[in-house]
Amino acid sequence: RRYMSLSDTLFGFFGDLLNWCGQANSIELD
C-alpha cells in the first residue's frame, strides 16, 4: 500500500519467512 518491498511482490511473498530444501536422489522435501 505504501511501498513494494521484495516481500511485497508475488515472487518474494511466495517464500517470505519460510524455509525449504530437497534431497539428492529423492523427490521428497527434507
PDB file of all heavy atoms in Angstrom:
ATOM      1  N   ARG A   1       0.826  -1.208   0.000  1.00  0.00           N
ATOM      2  CA  ARG A   1       0.000   0.000   0.000  1.00  0.00           C
ATOM      3  C   ARG A   1       0.864   1.264   0.000  1.00  0.00           C
ATOM      4  O   ARG A   1       0.566   2.230  -0.699  1.00  0.00           O
ATOM      5  CB  ARG A   1      -0.936   0.010   1.213  1.00  0.00           C
ATOM      6  CG  ARG A   1      -2.065  -1.004   1.135  1.00  0.00           C
ATOM      7  CD  ARG A   1      -3.029  -0.870   2.299  1.00  0.00           C
ATOM      8  NE  ARG A   1      -2.378  -1.164   3.584  1.00  0.00           N
ATOM      9  CZ  ARG A   1      -2.096  -0.241   4.489  1.00  0.00           C
ATOM     10  NH1 ARG A   1      -2.388   1.030   4.252  1.00  0.00           N
ATOM     11  NH2 ARG A   1      -1.513  -0.578   5.631  1.00  0.00           N
ATOM     12  N   ARG A   2       1.933   1.271   0.817  1.00  0.00           N
ATOM     13  CA  ARG A   2       2.828   2.427   0.852  1.00  0.00           C
ATOM     14  C   ARG A   2       4.003   2.232  -0.101  1.00  0.00           C
ATOM     15  O   ARG A   2       4.312   3.104  -0.908  1.00  0.00           O
ATOM     16  CB  ARG A   2       3.346   2.644   2.280  1.00  0.00           C
ATOM     17  CG  ARG A   2       2.277   2.917   3.307  1.00  0.00           C
ATOM     18  CD  ARG A   2       2.898   3.282   4.649  1.00  0.00           C
ATOM     19  NE  ARG A   2       1.882   3.275   5.710  1.00  0.00           N
ATOM     20  CZ  ARG A   2       1.627   2.225   6.474  1.00  0.00           C
ATOM     21  NH1 ARG A   2       2.312   1.101   6.317  1.00  0.00           N
ATOM     22  NH2 ARG A   2       0.690   2.291   7.405  1.00  0.00           N
ATOM     23  N   TYR A   3       4.656   1.093   0.055  1.00  0.00           N
ATOM     24  CA  TYR A   3       5.801   0.755  -0.800  1.00  0.00           C
ATOM     25  C   TYR A   3       5.694  -0.715  -1.175  1.00  0.00           C
ATOM     26  O   TYR A   3       4.893  -1.461  -0.598  1.00  0.00           O
ATOM     27  CB  TYR A   3       7.115   1.019  -0.062  1.00  0.00           C
ATOM     28  CG  TYR A   3       7.310   2.478   0.273  1.00  0.00           C
ATOM     29  CD1 TYR A   3       6.948   2.982   1.525  1.00  0.00           C
ATOM     30  CD2 TYR A   3       7.831   3.363  -0.675  1.00  0.00           C
ATOM     31  CE1 TYR A   3       7.093   4.331   1.822  1.00  0.00           C
ATOM     32  CE2 TYR A   3       7.980   4.712  -0.378  1.00  0.00           C
ATOM     33  CZ  TYR A   3       7.608   5.191   0.868  1.00  0.00           C
ATOM     34  OH  TYR A   3       7.755   6.519   1.147  1.00  0.00           O
ATOM     35  N   MET A   4       6.512  -1.118  -2.150  1.00  0.00           N
ATOM     36  CA  MET A   4       6.518  -2.512  -2.559  1.00  0.00           C
ATOM     37  C   MET A   4       7.931  -3.062  -2.393  1.00  0.00           C
ATOM     38  O   MET A   4       8.762  -2.979  -3.295  1.00  0.00           O
ATOM     39  CB  MET A   4       6.037  -2.671  -4.011  1.00  0.00           C
ATOM     40  CG  MET A   4       5.916  -4.134  -4.445  1.00  0.00           C
ATOM     41  SD  MET A   4       5.210  -4.332  -6.108  1.00  0.00           S
ATOM     42  CE  MET A   4       3.475  -4.007  -5.773  1.00  0.00           C
ATOM     43  N   SER A   5       8.206  -3.598  -1.207  1.00  0.00           N
ATOM     44  CA  SER A   5       9.492  -4.247  -0.969  1.00  0.00           C
ATOM     45  C   SER A   5       9.510  -5.581  -1.713  1.00  0.00           C
ATOM     46  O   SER A   5       8.493  -6.012  -2.276  1.00  0.00           O
ATOM     47  CB  SER A   5       9.699  -4.484   0.525  1.00  0.00           C
ATOM     48  OG  SER A   5       8.816  -5.488   0.993  1.00  0.00           O
ATOM     49  N   LEU A   6      10.652  -6.242  -1.710  1.00  0.00           N
ATOM     50  CA  LEU A   6      10.738  -7.538  -2.390  1.00  0.00           C
ATOM     51  C   LEU A   6       9.691  -8.509  -1.857  1.00  0.00           C
ATOM     52  O   LEU A   6       9.064  -9.253  -2.632  1.00  0.00           O
ATOM     53  CB  LEU A   6      12.147  -8.117  -2.204  1.00  0.00           C
ATOM     54  CG  LEU A   6      12.393  -9.531  -2.734  1.00  0.00           C
ATOM     55  CD1 LEU A   6      12.001  -9.654  -4.200  1.00  0.00           C
ATOM     56  CD2 LEU A   6      13.861  -9.917  -2.537  1.00  0.00           C
ATOM     57  N   SER A   7       9.464  -8.488  -0.551  1.00  0.00           N
ATOM     58  CA  SER A   7       8.480  -9.403   0.048  1.00  0.00           C
ATOM     59  C   SER A   7       7.042  -9.035  -0.304  1.00  0.00           C
ATOM     60  O   SER A   7       6.129  -9.814  -0.026  1.00  0.00           O
ATOM     61  CB  SER A   7       8.642  -9.412   1.575  1.00  0.00           C
ATOM     62  OG  SER A   7       9.902  -9.919   1.939  1.00  0.00           O
ATOM     63  N   ASP A   8       6.848  -7.862  -0.905  1.00  0.00           N
ATOM     64  CA  ASP A   8       5.511  -7.440  -1.325  1.00  0.00           C
ATOM     65  C   ASP A   8       5.238  -7.716  -2.793  1.00  0.00           C
ATOM     66  O   ASP A   8       4.157  -7.394  -3.292  1.00  0.00           O
ATOM     67  CB  ASP A   8       5.316  -5.950  -1.038  1.00  0.00           C
ATOM     68  CG  ASP A   8       5.427  -5.635   0.439  1.00  0.00           C
ATOM     69  OD1 ASP A   8       4.722  -6.283   1.235  1.00  0.00           O
ATOM     70  OD2 ASP A   8       6.240  -4.765   0.810  1.00  0.00           O
ATOM     71  N   THR A   9       6.223  -8.290  -3.490  1.00  0.00           N
ATOM     72  CA  THR A   9       5.984  -8.775  -4.848  1.00  0.00           C
ATOM     73  C   THR A   9       5.491 -10.213  -4.738  1.00  0.00           C
ATOM     74  O   THR A   9       5.726 -10.881  -3.716  1.00  0.00           O
ATOM     75  CB  THR A   9       7.275  -8.767  -5.685  1.00  0.00           C
ATOM     76  OG1 THR A   9       8.217  -9.702  -5.118  1.00  0.00           O
ATOM     77  CG2 THR A   9       7.893  -7.381  -5.724  1.00  0.00           C
ATOM     78  N   LEU A  10       4.844 -10.721  -5.754  1.00  0.00           N
ATOM     79  CA  LEU A  10       4.392 -12.114  -5.699  1.00  0.00           C
ATOM     80  C   LEU A  10       5.575 -13.066  -5.586  1.00  0.00           C
ATOM     81  O   LEU A  10       5.553 -14.013  -4.797  1.00  0.00           O
ATOM     82  CB  LEU A  10       3.566 -12.457  -6.944  1.00  0.00           C
ATOM     83  CG  LEU A  10       3.131 -13.928  -7.077  1.00  0.00           C
ATOM     84  CD1 LEU A  10       2.347 -14.382  -5.855  1.00  0.00           C
ATOM     85  CD2 LEU A  10       2.304 -14.121  -8.350  1.00  0.00           C
ATOM     86  N   PHE A  11       6.645 -12.794  -6.354  1.00  0.00           N
ATOM     87  CA  PHE A  11       7.766 -13.740  -6.334  1.00  0.00           C
ATOM     88  C   PHE A  11       8.547 -13.706  -5.028  1.00  0.00           C
ATOM     89  O   PHE A  11       9.246 -14.668  -4.689  1.00  0.00           O
ATOM     90  CB  PHE A  11       8.699 -13.520  -7.537  1.00  0.00           C
ATOM     91  CG  PHE A  11       9.179 -12.120  -7.765  1.00  0.00           C
ATOM     92  CD1 PHE A  11      10.362 -11.657  -7.216  1.00  0.00           C
ATOM     93  CD2 PHE A  11       8.453 -11.249  -8.590  1.00  0.00           C
ATOM     94  CE1 PHE A  11      10.816 -10.375  -7.455  1.00  0.00           C
ATOM     95  CE2 PHE A  11       8.901  -9.955  -8.841  1.00  0.00           C
ATOM     96  CZ  PHE A  11      10.088  -9.508  -8.266  1.00  0.00           C
ATOM     97  N   GLY A  12       8.401 -12.628  -4.230  1.00  0.00           N
ATOM     98  CA  GLY A  12       9.014 -12.590  -2.910  1.00  0.00           C
ATOM     99  C   GLY A  12       8.060 -13.034  -1.810  1.00  0.00           C
ATOM    100  O   GLY A  12       8.447 -13.732  -0.872  1.00  0.00           O
ATOM    101  N   PHE A  13       6.800 -12.647  -1.935  1.00  0.00           N
ATOM    102  CA  PHE A  13       5.744 -13.005  -0.981  1.00  0.00           C
ATOM    103  C   PHE A  13       5.633 -14.517  -0.835  1.00  0.00           C
ATOM    104  O   PHE A  13       5.390 -15.050   0.247  1.00  0.00           O
ATOM    105  CB  PHE A  13       4.428 -12.410  -1.491  1.00  0.00           C
ATOM    106  CG  PHE A  13       3.256 -12.515  -0.560  1.00  0.00           C
ATOM    107  CD1 PHE A  13       3.245 -11.830   0.643  1.00  0.00           C
ATOM    108  CD2 PHE A  13       2.146 -13.259  -0.910  1.00  0.00           C
ATOM    109  CE1 PHE A  13       2.145 -11.904   1.500  1.00  0.00           C
ATOM    110  CE2 PHE A  13       1.045 -13.335  -0.072  1.00  0.00           C
ATOM    111  CZ  PHE A  13       1.036 -12.660   1.137  1.00  0.00           C
ATOM    112  N   PHE A  14       5.843 -15.218  -1.939  1.00  0.00           N
ATOM    113  CA  PHE A  14       5.744 -16.669  -2.017  1.00  0.00           C
ATOM    114  C   PHE A  14       6.634 -17.350  -0.973  1.00  0.00           C
ATOM    115  O   PHE A  14       6.235 -18.336  -0.353  1.00  0.00           O
ATOM    116  CB  PHE A  14       6.183 -17.095  -3.425  1.00  0.00           C
ATOM    117  CG  PHE A  14       5.644 -18.419  -3.894  1.00  0.00           C
ATOM    118  CD1 PHE A  14       4.376 -18.503  -4.438  1.00  0.00           C
ATOM    119  CD2 PHE A  14       6.418 -19.570  -3.833  1.00  0.00           C
ATOM    120  CE1 PHE A  14       3.879 -19.709  -4.913  1.00  0.00           C
ATOM    121  CE2 PHE A  14       5.942 -20.781  -4.301  1.00  0.00           C
ATOM    122  CZ  PHE A  14       4.667 -20.853  -4.840  1.00  0.00           C
ATOM    123  N   GLY A  15       7.854 -16.839  -0.772  1.00  0.00           N
ATOM    124  CA  GLY A  15       8.804 -17.527   0.100  1.00  0.00           C
ATOM    125  C   GLY A  15       9.158 -16.798   1.378  1.00  0.00           C
ATOM    126  O   GLY A  15      10.023 -17.263   2.131  1.00  0.00           O
ATOM    127  N   ASP A  16       8.500 -15.677   1.662  1.00  0.00           N
ATOM    128  CA  ASP A  16       8.883 -14.838   2.794  1.00  0.00           C
ATOM    129  C   ASP A  16       8.784 -15.589   4.119  1.00  0.00           C
ATOM    130  O   ASP A  16       7.746 -16.178   4.448  1.00  0.00           O
ATOM    131  CB  ASP A  16       7.990 -13.595   2.829  1.00  0.00           C
ATOM    132  CG  ASP A  16       8.524 -12.513   3.747  1.00  0.00           C
ATOM    133  OD1 ASP A  16       9.754 -12.419   3.902  1.00  0.00           O
ATOM    134  OD2 ASP A  16       7.711 -11.754   4.299  1.00  0.00           O
ATOM    135  N   LEU A  17       9.878 -15.585   4.889  1.00  0.00           N
ATOM    136  CA  LEU A  17       9.959 -16.167   6.225  1.00  0.00           C
ATOM    137  C   LEU A  17       9.766 -17.682   6.259  1.00  0.00           C
ATOM    138  O   LEU A  17       9.505 -18.267   7.314  1.00  0.00           O
ATOM    139  CB  LEU A  17       8.937 -15.507   7.173  1.00  0.00           C
ATOM    140  CG  LEU A  17       9.107 -13.999   7.374  1.00  0.00           C
ATOM    141  CD1 LEU A  17       7.945 -13.430   8.182  1.00  0.00           C
ATOM    142  CD2 LEU A  17      10.425 -13.684   8.071  1.00  0.00           C
ATOM    143  N   LEU A  18       9.913 -18.342   5.115  1.00  0.00           N
ATOM    144  CA  LEU A  18       9.798 -19.793   5.042  1.00  0.00           C
ATOM    145  C   LEU A  18      11.178 -20.420   4.834  1.00  0.00           C
ATOM    146  O   LEU A  18      12.141 -19.747   4.504  1.00  0.00           O
ATOM    147  CB  LEU A  18       8.863 -20.198   3.893  1.00  0.00           C
ATOM    148  CG  LEU A  18       7.427 -19.665   3.954  1.00  0.00           C
ATOM    149  CD1 LEU A  18       6.656 -20.104   2.717  1.00  0.00           C
ATOM    150  CD2 LEU A  18       6.729 -20.147   5.220  1.00  0.00           C
ATOM    151  N   ASN A  19      11.236 -21.728   5.023  1.00  0.00           N
ATOM    152  CA  ASN A  19      12.485 -22.461   4.794  1.00  0.00           C
ATOM    153  C   ASN A  19      12.182 -23.713   3.992  1.00  0.00           C
ATOM    154  O   ASN A  19      11.100 -24.295   4.121  1.00  0.00           O
ATOM    155  CB  ASN A  19      13.137 -22.831   6.126  1.00  0.00           C
ATOM    156  CG  ASN A  19      14.618 -23.133   5.969  1.00  0.00           C
ATOM    157  OD1 ASN A  19      15.337 -22.360   5.333  1.00  0.00           O
ATOM    158  ND2 ASN A  19      15.087 -24.234   6.511  1.00  0.00           N
ATOM    159  N   TRP A  20      13.127 -24.141   3.158  1.00  0.00           N
ATOM    160  CA  TRP A  20      12.897 -25.330   2.345  1.00  0.00           C
ATOM    161  C   TRP A  20      14.207 -25.886   1.792  1.00  0.00           C
ATOM    162  O   TRP A  20      15.188 -25.167   1.654  1.00  0.00           O
ATOM    163  CB  TRP A  20      11.952 -25.006   1.178  1.00  0.00           C
ATOM    164  CG  TRP A  20      12.492 -23.988   0.220  1.00  0.00           C
ATOM    165  CD1 TRP A  20      13.272 -24.205  -0.883  1.00  0.00           C
ATOM    166  CD2 TRP A  20      12.312 -22.558   0.293  1.00  0.00           C
ATOM    167  NE1 TRP A  20      13.577 -23.020  -1.508  1.00  0.00           N
ATOM    168  CE2 TRP A  20      13.004 -21.995  -0.813  1.00  0.00           C
ATOM    169  CE3 TRP A  20      11.630 -21.714   1.165  1.00  0.00           C
ATOM    170  CZ2 TRP A  20      13.032 -20.619  -1.045  1.00  0.00           C
ATOM    171  CZ3 TRP A  20      11.674 -20.350   0.927  1.00  0.00           C
ATOM    172  CH2 TRP A  20      12.358 -19.824  -0.168  1.00  0.00           C
ATOM    173  N   CYS A  21      14.195 -27.167   1.494  1.00  0.00           N
ATOM    174  CA  CYS A  21      15.290 -27.824   0.774  1.00  0.00           C
ATOM    175  C   CYS A  21      14.836 -29.217   0.376  1.00  0.00           C
ATOM    176  O   CYS A  21      13.882 -29.762   0.945  1.00  0.00           O
ATOM    177  CB  CYS A  21      16.577 -27.895   1.603  1.00  0.00           C
ATOM    178  SG  CYS A  21      16.491 -28.945   3.063  1.00  0.00           S
ATOM    179  N   GLY A  22      15.512 -29.767  -0.601  1.00  0.00           N
ATOM    180  CA  GLY A  22      15.241 -31.127  -1.027  1.00  0.00           C
ATOM    181  C   GLY A  22      16.382 -32.044  -0.633  1.00  0.00           C
ATOM    182  O   GLY A  22      17.212 -31.725   0.215  1.00  0.00           O
ATOM    183  N   GLN A  23      16.420 -33.211  -1.285  1.00  0.00           N
ATOM    184  CA  GLN A  23      17.458 -34.193  -1.025  1.00  0.00           C
ATOM    185  C   GLN A  23      17.937 -34.764  -2.347  1.00  0.00           C
ATOM    186  O   GLN A  23      17.142 -34.918  -3.287  1.00  0.00           O
ATOM    187  CB  GLN A  23      16.917 -35.324  -0.150  1.00  0.00           C
ATOM    188  CG  GLN A  23      16.269 -34.870   1.139  1.00  0.00           C
ATOM    189  CD  GLN A  23      15.634 -36.010   1.905  1.00  0.00           C
ATOM    190  OE1 GLN A  23      16.310 -36.950   2.313  1.00  0.00           O
ATOM    191  NE2 GLN A  23      14.319 -35.946   2.098  1.00  0.00           N
ATOM    192  N   ALA A  24      19.205 -35.080  -2.430  1.00  0.00           N
ATOM    193  CA  ALA A  24      19.740 -35.693  -3.644  1.00  0.00           C
ATOM    194  C   ALA A  24      19.080 -37.055  -3.850  1.00  0.00           C
ATOM    195  O   ALA A  24      18.857 -37.811  -2.900  1.00  0.00           O
ATOM    196  CB  ALA A  24      21.251 -35.848  -3.533  1.00  0.00           C
ATOM    197  N   ASN A  25      18.727 -37.328  -5.094  1.00  0.00           N
ATOM    198  CA  ASN A  25      18.150 -38.624  -5.465  1.00  0.00           C
ATOM    199  C   ASN A  25      16.854 -38.936  -4.722  1.00  0.00           C
ATOM    200  O   ASN A  25      16.579 -40.082  -4.366  1.00  0.00           O
ATOM    201  CB  ASN A  25      19.170 -39.756  -5.222  1.00  0.00           C
ATOM    202  CG  ASN A  25      20.481 -39.511  -5.949  1.00  0.00           C
ATOM    203  OD1 ASN A  25      20.486 -39.171  -7.122  1.00  0.00           O
ATOM    204  ND2 ASN A  25      21.587 -39.676  -5.249  1.00  0.00           N
ATOM    205  N   SER A  26      16.064 -37.908  -4.475  1.00  0.00           N
ATOM    206  CA  SER A  26      14.781 -38.100  -3.808  1.00  0.00           C
ATOM    207  C   SER A  26      13.828 -36.994  -4.226  1.00  0.00           C
ATOM    208  O   SER A  26      14.240 -35.845  -4.376  1.00  0.00           O
ATOM    209  CB  SER A  26      14.954 -38.083  -2.292  1.00  0.00           C
ATOM    210  OG  SER A  26      13.685 -38.098  -1.645  1.00  0.00           O
ATOM    211  N   ILE A  27      12.566 -37.339  -4.395  1.00  0.00           N
ATOM    212  CA  ILE A  27      11.569 -36.328  -4.746  1.00  0.00           C
ATOM    213  C   ILE A  27      10.904 -35.745  -3.496  1.00  0.00           C
ATOM    214  O   ILE A  27       9.973 -34.955  -3.592  1.00  0.00           O
ATOM    215  CB  ILE A  27      10.488 -36.916  -5.680  1.00  0.00           C
ATOM    216  CG1 ILE A  27       9.749 -38.065  -4.994  1.00  0.00           C
ATOM    217  CG2 ILE A  27      11.092 -37.359  -6.999  1.00  0.00           C
ATOM    218  CD1 ILE A  27       8.534 -38.550  -5.767  1.00  0.00           C
ATOM    219  N   GLU A  28      11.418 -36.145  -2.325  1.00  0.00           N
ATOM    220  CA  GLU A  28      10.843 -35.677  -1.066  1.00  0.00           C
ATOM    221  C   GLU A  28      11.532 -34.412  -0.573  1.00  0.00           C
ATOM    222  O   GLU A  28      12.729 -34.207  -0.785  1.00  0.00           O
ATOM    223  CB  GLU A  28      10.961 -36.770   0.002  1.00  0.00           C
ATOM    224  CG  GLU A  28      10.253 -38.069  -0.346  1.00  0.00           C
ATOM    225  CD  GLU A  28       8.756 -37.885  -0.527  1.00  0.00           C
ATOM    226  OE1 GLU A  28       8.168 -37.078   0.228  1.00  0.00           O
ATOM    227  OE2 GLU A  28       8.181 -38.537  -1.420  1.00  0.00           O
ATOM    228  N   LEU A  29      10.781 -33.572   0.108  1.00  0.00           N
ATOM    229  CA  LEU A  29      11.361 -32.431   0.810  1.00  0.00           C
ATOM    230  C   LEU A  29      12.052 -32.922   2.085  1.00  0.00           C
ATOM    231  O   LEU A  29      11.681 -33.965   2.624  1.00  0.00           O
ATOM    232  CB  LEU A  29      10.274 -31.422   1.169  1.00  0.00           C
ATOM    233  CG  LEU A  29       9.503 -30.806  -0.003  1.00  0.00           C
ATOM    234  CD1 LEU A  29       8.321 -29.993   0.519  1.00  0.00           C
ATOM    235  CD2 LEU A  29      10.402 -29.937  -0.840  1.00  0.00           C
ATOM    236  N   ASP A  30      13.040 -32.194   2.549  1.00  0.00           N
ATOM    237  CA  ASP A  30      13.730 -32.559   3.787  1.00  0.00           C
ATOM    238  C   ASP A  30      13.146 -31.731   4.924  1.00  0.00           C
ATOM    239  O   ASP A  30      13.410 -30.532   5.028  1.00  0.00           O
ATOM    240  CB  ASP A  30      15.238 -32.303   3.650  1.00  0.00           C
ATOM    241  CG  ASP A  30      16.033 -32.906   4.804  1.00  0.00           C
ATOM    242  OD1 ASP A  30      15.425 -33.147   5.870  1.00  0.00           O
ATOM    243  OD2 ASP A  30      17.246 -33.137   4.644  1.00  0.00           O
TER     244      ASP A  30
END
